[in-house]
Amino acid sequence: MTDLSRDSFTAGVQPVRQHHRSLLEAYGLRATRQRLGLAKLLLSKGNRHVTADSLAAEANALKMRASLATVYNVLNLFAQVGIVRALTIEGAKTFFDTNTSDHSHFFFEDSGQIEDVPVQGMQFASSVTPPEGYEIVKVDVVFRLRRKKSPNV
């Protein structure tokens, strides 16, 4: 059986258009021209964190016709079905992570950048008991970082 997970399309070689079509269809999405183009642009560079603004800028630089609203809608749709992971960190600003595995993030307040935390085997939810009738399905942990102030200030 063919592996149609998102990771199978981002590992190793640059995916071809048919692979992106298969990926979208595997997630129950119609493979429109704009979805295909944005999927290729988003997933062909390995694991990364993007905003709708940054992906729209990449698309425009490549002369790909996609409005900011379209890029935002496609990213939210991809997050809804599980192709990417949505992270809302700074108010209304949402980052989209192409790495959908369970992991945590560093958020650098001075630059607004996000990086994956290189933690192996850390399980935050193992000692947490959810309320009656609920189960923990995902844990999102963001470590907010700020540069230390110099002691001479």
N, C-alpha and C. Protein backbone atom coordinates (compact mmCIF):
# COMPACT_ATOMS: atom_id res chain seq x y z
N MET A 1 0.83 -1.18 0.00
CA MET A 1 0.00 0.00 0.00
C MET A 1 0.88 1.24 0.00
N THR A 2 0.50 2.27 -0.73
CA THR A 2 1.25 3.50 -0.82
C THR A 2 1.08 4.33 0.43
N ASP A 3 2.19 4.91 0.94
CA ASP A 3 2.15 5.76 2.11
C ASP A 3 1.69 7.15 1.69
N LEU A 4 0.51 7.57 2.16
CA LEU A 4 -0.02 8.88 1.80
C LEU A 4 0.01 9.85 2.96
N SER A 5 0.87 9.61 3.96
CA SER A 5 0.99 10.57 5.05
C SER A 5 1.71 11.80 4.54
N ARG A 6 1.49 12.93 5.24
CA ARG A 6 2.13 14.17 4.84
C ARG A 6 3.64 14.03 4.85
N ASP A 7 4.19 13.30 5.83
CA ASP A 7 5.64 13.14 5.93
C ASP A 7 6.23 12.42 4.73
N SER A 8 5.47 11.54 4.09
CA SER A 8 5.99 10.81 2.94
C SER A 8 6.22 11.75 1.76
N PHE A 9 5.60 12.92 1.79
CA PHE A 9 5.75 13.87 0.69
C PHE A 9 6.85 14.88 0.94
N THR A 10 7.30 15.00 2.19
CA THR A 10 8.31 15.99 2.50
C THR A 10 9.68 15.39 2.73
N ALA A 11 9.78 14.08 2.77
CA ALA A 11 11.06 13.45 3.03
C ALA A 11 11.83 13.23 1.73
N GLY A 12 13.11 13.59 1.75
CA GLY A 12 13.98 13.28 0.63
C GLY A 12 13.79 14.16 -0.59
N VAL A 13 13.28 13.60 -1.66
CA VAL A 13 13.20 14.30 -2.93
C VAL A 13 12.02 15.24 -2.99
N GLN A 14 12.12 16.21 -3.88
CA GLN A 14 11.02 17.15 -4.09
C GLN A 14 9.82 16.40 -4.66
N PRO A 15 8.65 16.57 -4.04
CA PRO A 15 7.47 15.85 -4.52
C PRO A 15 7.00 16.36 -5.88
N VAL A 16 6.38 15.50 -6.62
CA VAL A 16 5.82 15.89 -7.91
C VAL A 16 4.36 16.25 -7.72
N ARG A 17 3.78 16.92 -8.71
CA ARG A 17 2.41 17.41 -8.62
C ARG A 17 1.41 16.29 -8.29
N GLN A 18 1.60 15.11 -8.86
CA GLN A 18 0.68 14.01 -8.59
C GLN A 18 0.69 13.61 -7.12
N HIS A 19 1.86 13.68 -6.47
CA HIS A 19 1.94 13.36 -5.05
C HIS A 19 1.11 14.34 -4.23
N HIS A 20 1.17 15.61 -4.59
CA HIS A 20 0.38 16.61 -3.86
C HIS A 20 -1.11 16.38 -4.09
N ARG A 21 -1.46 16.03 -5.30
CA ARG A 21 -2.86 15.72 -5.60
C ARG A 21 -3.32 14.54 -4.74
N SER A 22 -2.51 13.49 -4.67
CA SER A 22 -2.84 12.31 -3.86
C SER A 22 -2.95 12.67 -2.39
N LEU A 23 -2.05 13.54 -1.91
CA LEU A 23 -2.09 13.97 -0.52
C LEU A 23 -3.41 14.68 -0.22
N LEU A 24 -3.76 15.65 -1.04
CA LEU A 24 -5.01 16.38 -0.81
C LEU A 24 -6.21 15.44 -0.85
N GLU A 25 -6.23 14.56 -1.82
CA GLU A 25 -7.35 13.61 -1.94
C GLU A 25 -7.40 12.66 -0.75
N ALA A 26 -6.23 12.26 -0.23
CA ALA A 26 -6.19 11.38 0.94
C ALA A 26 -6.81 12.05 2.16
N TYR A 27 -6.74 13.37 2.21
CA TYR A 27 -7.35 14.12 3.31
C TYR A 27 -8.76 14.58 2.98
N GLY A 28 -9.30 14.10 1.86
CA GLY A 28 -10.68 14.43 1.49
C GLY A 28 -10.86 15.80 0.88
N LEU A 29 -9.79 16.37 0.34
CA LEU A 29 -9.85 17.71 -0.25
C LEU A 29 -9.80 17.65 -1.77
N ARG A 30 -10.56 18.55 -2.40
CA ARG A 30 -10.46 18.68 -3.86
C ARG A 30 -9.11 19.30 -4.18
N ALA A 31 -8.47 18.80 -5.21
CA ALA A 31 -7.15 19.28 -5.60
C ALA A 31 -7.29 20.43 -6.59
N THR A 32 -7.65 21.61 -6.08
CA THR A 32 -7.76 22.78 -6.95
C THR A 32 -6.36 23.28 -7.31
N ARG A 33 -6.28 24.10 -8.32
CA ARG A 33 -4.98 24.63 -8.77
C ARG A 33 -4.29 25.37 -7.63
N GLN A 34 -5.04 26.22 -6.90
CA GLN A 34 -4.42 26.99 -5.83
C GLN A 34 -4.01 26.11 -4.66
N ARG A 35 -4.81 25.13 -4.30
CA ARG A 35 -4.44 24.22 -3.21
C ARG A 35 -3.20 23.42 -3.57
N LEU A 36 -3.15 22.95 -4.82
CA LEU A 36 -1.98 22.19 -5.27
C LEU A 36 -0.72 23.05 -5.22
N GLY A 37 -0.83 24.26 -5.74
CA GLY A 37 0.33 25.16 -5.75
C GLY A 37 0.81 25.50 -4.34
N LEU A 38 -0.13 25.81 -3.46
CA LEU A 38 0.25 26.16 -2.09
C LEU A 38 0.77 24.94 -1.33
N ALA A 39 0.21 23.76 -1.58
CA ALA A 39 0.71 22.55 -0.93
C ALA A 39 2.16 22.28 -1.36
N LYS A 40 2.43 22.42 -2.64
CA LYS A 40 3.79 22.20 -3.13
C LYS A 40 4.75 23.21 -2.52
N LEU A 41 4.36 24.48 -2.50
CA LEU A 41 5.20 25.53 -1.95
C LEU A 41 5.43 25.31 -0.46
N LEU A 42 4.40 24.96 0.25
CA LEU A 42 4.47 24.79 1.70
C LEU A 42 5.26 23.55 2.12
N LEU A 43 5.03 22.43 1.45
CA LEU A 43 5.58 21.16 1.90
C LEU A 43 6.88 20.73 1.25
N SER A 44 7.33 21.45 0.23
CA SER A 44 8.54 21.01 -0.47
C SER A 44 9.83 21.51 0.17
N LYS A 45 9.72 22.26 1.27
CA LYS A 45 10.91 22.80 1.93
C LYS A 45 11.17 22.18 3.29
N GLY A 46 10.60 21.02 3.55
CA GLY A 46 10.81 20.36 4.83
C GLY A 46 9.96 20.98 5.93
N ASN A 47 10.28 20.64 7.17
CA ASN A 47 9.51 21.15 8.30
C ASN A 47 9.83 22.62 8.53
N ARG A 48 8.77 23.42 8.64
CA ARG A 48 8.95 24.85 8.88
C ARG A 48 7.68 25.46 9.44
N HIS A 49 7.80 26.70 9.88
CA HIS A 49 6.69 27.45 10.45
C HIS A 49 6.45 28.66 9.55
N VAL A 50 5.22 28.83 9.07
CA VAL A 50 4.90 29.96 8.20
C VAL A 50 3.64 30.64 8.71
N THR A 51 3.48 31.88 8.28
CA THR A 51 2.23 32.60 8.47
C THR A 51 1.57 32.72 7.10
N ALA A 52 0.32 33.11 7.09
CA ALA A 52 -0.34 33.33 5.80
C ALA A 52 0.39 34.42 5.03
N ASP A 53 0.83 35.46 5.73
CA ASP A 53 1.57 36.55 5.07
C ASP A 53 2.86 36.06 4.43
N SER A 54 3.63 35.25 5.17
CA SER A 54 4.91 34.80 4.62
C SER A 54 4.72 33.84 3.45
N LEU A 55 3.72 32.97 3.53
CA LEU A 55 3.47 32.04 2.42
C LEU A 55 2.93 32.79 1.20
N ALA A 56 2.08 33.78 1.43
CA ALA A 56 1.57 34.60 0.32
C ALA A 56 2.72 35.35 -0.35
N ALA A 57 3.66 35.85 0.43
CA ALA A 57 4.82 36.55 -0.14
C ALA A 57 5.66 35.59 -0.99
N GLU A 58 5.86 34.36 -0.52
CA GLU A 58 6.58 33.36 -1.31
C GLU A 58 5.85 33.07 -2.61
N ALA A 59 4.54 32.91 -2.51
CA ALA A 59 3.73 32.62 -3.70
C ALA A 59 3.83 33.77 -4.70
N ASN A 60 3.71 34.99 -4.22
CA ASN A 60 3.79 36.16 -5.11
C ASN A 60 5.16 36.28 -5.76
N ALA A 61 6.22 35.96 -5.01
CA ALA A 61 7.57 36.01 -5.57
C ALA A 61 7.74 35.02 -6.71
N LEU A 62 6.97 33.94 -6.67
CA LEU A 62 7.03 32.93 -7.73
C LEU A 62 5.96 33.14 -8.79
N LYS A 63 5.28 34.28 -8.73
CA LYS A 63 4.21 34.64 -9.68
C LYS A 63 3.03 33.68 -9.61
N MET A 64 2.81 33.10 -8.43
CA MET A 64 1.67 32.22 -8.21
C MET A 64 0.48 33.11 -7.83
N ARG A 65 -0.61 32.98 -8.54
CA ARG A 65 -1.78 33.81 -8.27
C ARG A 65 -2.57 33.25 -7.09
N ALA A 66 -2.44 33.94 -5.95
CA ALA A 66 -3.19 33.56 -4.76
C ALA A 66 -3.26 34.77 -3.85
N SER A 67 -4.46 35.22 -3.58
CA SER A 67 -4.63 36.37 -2.69
C SER A 67 -4.29 35.96 -1.27
N LEU A 68 -4.05 36.95 -0.41
CA LEU A 68 -3.78 36.67 0.99
C LEU A 68 -4.95 35.93 1.62
N ALA A 69 -6.17 36.31 1.27
CA ALA A 69 -7.36 35.64 1.80
C ALA A 69 -7.39 34.17 1.39
N THR A 70 -7.03 33.88 0.16
CA THR A 70 -7.00 32.50 -0.32
C THR A 70 -5.94 31.69 0.43
N VAL A 71 -4.76 32.27 0.60
CA VAL A 71 -3.69 31.58 1.31
C VAL A 71 -4.14 31.30 2.75
N TYR A 72 -4.73 32.28 3.40
CA TYR A 72 -5.21 32.11 4.77
C TYR A 72 -6.26 31.00 4.84
N ASN A 73 -7.21 31.01 3.91
CA ASN A 73 -8.27 29.99 3.89
C ASN A 73 -7.70 28.59 3.64
N VAL A 74 -6.75 28.48 2.72
CA VAL A 74 -6.15 27.18 2.41
C VAL A 74 -5.36 26.67 3.62
N LEU A 75 -4.59 27.54 4.26
CA LEU A 75 -3.82 27.11 5.44
C LEU A 75 -4.76 26.66 6.56
N ASN A 76 -5.84 27.39 6.78
CA ASN A 76 -6.79 26.98 7.82
C ASN A 76 -7.46 25.66 7.46
N LEU A 77 -7.76 25.46 6.19
CA LEU A 77 -8.34 24.18 5.75
C LEU A 77 -7.34 23.05 5.96
N PHE A 78 -6.08 23.28 5.58
CA PHE A 78 -5.04 22.27 5.78
C PHE A 78 -4.89 21.94 7.27
N ALA A 79 -5.00 22.94 8.13
CA ALA A 79 -4.91 22.70 9.58
C ALA A 79 -6.12 21.92 10.07
N GLN A 80 -7.27 22.23 9.54
CA GLN A 80 -8.51 21.56 9.95
C GLN A 80 -8.45 20.06 9.67
N VAL A 81 -7.88 19.68 8.53
CA VAL A 81 -7.83 18.26 8.17
C VAL A 81 -6.56 17.56 8.67
N GLY A 82 -5.57 18.32 9.15
CA GLY A 82 -4.37 17.72 9.72
C GLY A 82 -3.13 17.71 8.85
N ILE A 83 -3.13 18.42 7.74
CA ILE A 83 -1.94 18.49 6.89
C ILE A 83 -0.87 19.35 7.56
N VAL A 84 -1.30 20.42 8.23
CA VAL A 84 -0.41 21.28 9.01
C VAL A 84 -1.03 21.46 10.39
N ARG A 85 -0.27 22.06 11.27
CA ARG A 85 -0.72 22.32 12.64
C ARG A 85 -0.77 23.83 12.84
N ALA A 86 -1.89 24.35 13.31
CA ALA A 86 -2.04 25.79 13.55
C ALA A 86 -1.61 26.12 14.97
N LEU A 87 -0.80 27.16 15.11
CA LEU A 87 -0.33 27.63 16.42
C LEU A 87 -0.65 29.11 16.55
N THR A 88 -1.53 29.48 17.46
CA THR A 88 -1.81 30.89 17.71
C THR A 88 -1.01 31.29 18.93
N ILE A 89 -0.04 32.15 18.72
CA ILE A 89 0.88 32.50 19.79
C ILE A 89 0.76 33.97 20.18
N GLU A 90 0.76 34.83 19.24
CA GLU A 90 0.70 36.27 19.49
C GLU A 90 -0.64 36.83 19.08
N GLY A 91 -1.60 36.85 19.98
CA GLY A 91 -2.91 37.41 19.69
C GLY A 91 -3.56 36.77 18.49
N ALA A 92 -3.74 37.54 17.44
CA ALA A 92 -4.42 37.05 16.24
C ALA A 92 -3.46 36.43 15.24
N LYS A 93 -2.16 36.46 15.52
CA LYS A 93 -1.19 35.92 14.57
C LYS A 93 -1.11 34.40 14.70
N THR A 94 -1.35 33.70 13.60
CA THR A 94 -1.31 32.24 13.59
C THR A 94 -0.14 31.77 12.75
N PHE A 95 0.62 30.86 13.30
CA PHE A 95 1.69 30.20 12.58
C PHE A 95 1.19 28.82 12.19
N PHE A 96 1.64 28.33 11.04
CA PHE A 96 1.27 27.01 10.57
C PHE A 96 2.54 26.18 10.50
N ASP A 97 2.52 25.04 11.18
CA ASP A 97 3.68 24.17 11.32
C ASP A 97 3.49 22.96 10.43
N THR A 98 4.45 22.70 9.56
CA THR A 98 4.35 21.54 8.67
C THR A 98 4.68 20.24 9.40
N ASN A 99 5.25 20.34 10.59
CA ASN A 99 5.54 19.16 11.41
C ASN A 99 4.32 18.94 12.32
N THR A 100 3.52 17.94 12.02
CA THR A 100 2.29 17.70 12.77
C THR A 100 2.47 16.70 13.91
N SER A 101 3.69 16.23 14.13
CA SER A 101 3.93 15.31 15.24
C SER A 101 3.82 16.08 16.56
N ASP A 102 3.65 15.35 17.66
CA ASP A 102 3.61 15.99 18.97
C ASP A 102 4.98 16.55 19.31
N HIS A 103 5.06 17.85 19.47
CA HIS A 103 6.29 18.50 19.87
C HIS A 103 5.97 19.89 20.40
N SER A 104 6.94 20.50 21.07
CA SER A 104 6.77 21.82 21.66
C SER A 104 7.55 22.85 20.86
N HIS A 105 7.38 24.11 21.24
CA HIS A 105 8.00 25.20 20.49
C HIS A 105 8.64 26.24 21.41
N PHE A 106 9.71 26.86 20.89
CA PHE A 106 10.26 28.08 21.47
C PHE A 106 9.69 29.23 20.66
N PHE A 107 9.22 30.27 21.34
CA PHE A 107 8.79 31.50 20.68
C PHE A 107 9.71 32.61 21.16
N PHE A 108 10.45 33.21 20.23
CA PHE A 108 11.39 34.27 20.55
C PHE A 108 10.66 35.62 20.46
N GLU A 109 10.40 36.22 21.62
CA GLU A 109 9.62 37.45 21.66
C GLU A 109 10.26 38.59 20.89
N ASP A 110 11.60 38.66 20.90
CA ASP A 110 12.27 39.79 20.24
C ASP A 110 12.19 39.71 18.71
N SER A 111 12.18 38.52 18.15
CA SER A 111 12.16 38.39 16.69
C SER A 111 10.82 37.89 16.15
N GLY A 112 9.99 37.30 17.02
CA GLY A 112 8.73 36.73 16.57
C GLY A 112 8.89 35.39 15.87
N GLN A 113 10.09 34.80 15.96
CA GLN A 113 10.36 33.52 15.30
C GLN A 113 9.96 32.36 16.20
N ILE A 114 9.71 31.22 15.56
CA ILE A 114 9.36 29.99 16.26
C ILE A 114 10.33 28.90 15.85
N GLU A 115 10.74 28.09 16.82
CA GLU A 115 11.58 26.93 16.55
C GLU A 115 11.03 25.74 17.32
N ASP A 116 11.23 24.56 16.78
CA ASP A 116 10.84 23.35 17.48
C ASP A 116 11.78 23.13 18.66
N VAL A 117 11.25 22.63 19.76
CA VAL A 117 12.05 22.28 20.93
C VAL A 117 12.60 20.87 20.71
N PRO A 118 13.92 20.72 20.78
CA PRO A 118 14.51 19.40 20.56
C PRO A 118 14.45 18.53 21.82
N VAL A 119 13.24 18.17 22.22
CA VAL A 119 13.06 17.37 23.42
C VAL A 119 12.64 15.96 23.01
N GLN A 120 13.39 14.98 23.47
CA GLN A 120 13.09 13.58 23.15
C GLN A 120 12.38 12.93 24.33
N GLY A 121 11.25 12.32 24.06
CA GLY A 121 10.57 11.53 25.07
C GLY A 121 9.89 12.31 26.18
N MET A 122 9.79 13.63 26.08
CA MET A 122 9.13 14.41 27.13
C MET A 122 7.62 14.25 26.99
N GLN A 123 6.97 13.88 28.08
CA GLN A 123 5.53 13.68 28.04
C GLN A 123 4.87 14.55 29.10
N PHE A 124 4.33 15.68 28.67
CA PHE A 124 3.70 16.61 29.60
C PHE A 124 2.38 16.08 30.14
N ALA A 125 1.67 15.31 29.37
CA ALA A 125 0.33 14.88 29.75
C ALA A 125 0.31 13.63 30.61
N SER A 126 1.43 12.98 30.81
CA SER A 126 1.43 11.71 31.52
C SER A 126 0.96 11.82 32.96
N SER A 127 1.16 12.97 33.60
CA SER A 127 0.75 13.12 35.00
C SER A 127 -0.51 13.98 35.15
N VAL A 128 -1.18 14.29 34.05
CA VAL A 128 -2.38 15.12 34.10
C VAL A 128 -3.61 14.22 33.92
N THR A 129 -4.58 14.38 34.81
CA THR A 129 -5.82 13.62 34.71
C THR A 129 -6.91 14.56 34.20
N PRO A 130 -7.46 14.26 33.03
CA PRO A 130 -8.51 15.14 32.48
C PRO A 130 -9.82 14.98 33.25
N PRO A 131 -10.72 15.94 33.13
CA PRO A 131 -12.03 15.83 33.79
C PRO A 131 -12.79 14.59 33.31
N GLU A 132 -13.72 14.15 34.13
CA GLU A 132 -14.55 12.98 33.83
C GLU A 132 -15.18 13.10 32.45
N GLY A 133 -15.05 12.06 31.63
CA GLY A 133 -15.66 12.03 30.31
C GLY A 133 -14.80 12.64 29.21
N TYR A 134 -13.56 13.07 29.53
CA TYR A 134 -12.69 13.68 28.54
C TYR A 134 -11.37 12.92 28.46
N GLU A 135 -10.70 13.06 27.32
CA GLU A 135 -9.38 12.49 27.14
C GLU A 135 -8.47 13.54 26.53
N ILE A 136 -7.20 13.45 26.83
CA ILE A 136 -6.21 14.37 26.26
C ILE A 136 -5.87 13.87 24.87
N VAL A 137 -6.06 14.72 23.87
CA VAL A 137 -5.77 14.30 22.50
C VAL A 137 -4.50 14.94 21.95
N LYS A 138 -4.11 16.08 22.49
CA LYS A 138 -2.90 16.76 22.03
C LYS A 138 -2.48 17.75 23.10
N VAL A 139 -1.18 17.92 23.24
CA VAL A 139 -0.64 18.89 24.18
C VAL A 139 0.16 19.91 23.38
N ASP A 140 -0.19 21.18 23.53
CA ASP A 140 0.54 22.26 22.86
C ASP A 140 1.28 23.05 23.92
N VAL A 141 2.60 23.02 23.86
CA VAL A 141 3.42 23.76 24.81
C VAL A 141 4.29 24.73 24.03
N VAL A 142 4.23 26.00 24.43
CA VAL A 142 5.06 27.03 23.82
C VAL A 142 5.87 27.69 24.94
N PHE A 143 7.17 27.67 24.79
CA PHE A 143 8.06 28.34 25.73
C PHE A 143 8.36 29.72 25.16
N ARG A 144 7.91 30.75 25.85
CA ARG A 144 8.18 32.12 25.40
C ARG A 144 9.54 32.53 25.92
N LEU A 145 10.40 33.00 25.03
CA LEU A 145 11.77 33.36 25.40
C LEU A 145 11.99 34.86 25.24
N ARG A 146 12.71 35.42 26.20
CA ARG A 146 13.08 36.84 26.16
C ARG A 146 14.56 36.91 26.56
N ARG A 147 15.31 37.76 25.89
CA ARG A 147 16.73 37.91 26.23
C ARG A 147 16.85 38.39 27.67
N LYS A 148 17.85 37.88 28.36
CA LYS A 148 18.12 38.31 29.73
C LYS A 148 18.62 39.75 29.71
N LYS A 149 18.20 40.51 30.70
CA LYS A 149 18.69 41.88 30.81
C LYS A 149 20.08 41.85 31.42
N SER A 150 20.92 42.72 30.94
CA SER A 150 22.27 42.81 31.45
C SER A 150 22.23 43.29 32.90
N PRO A 151 23.06 42.71 33.77
CA PRO A 151 23.05 43.13 35.17
C PRO A 151 23.53 44.58 35.36
N ASN A 152 24.16 45.15 34.34
CA ASN A 152 24.68 46.53 34.43
C ASN A 152 23.63 47.56 34.10
N VAL A 153 22.42 47.13 33.70
CA VAL A 153 21.38 48.09 33.28
C VAL A 153 20.56 48.54 34.44
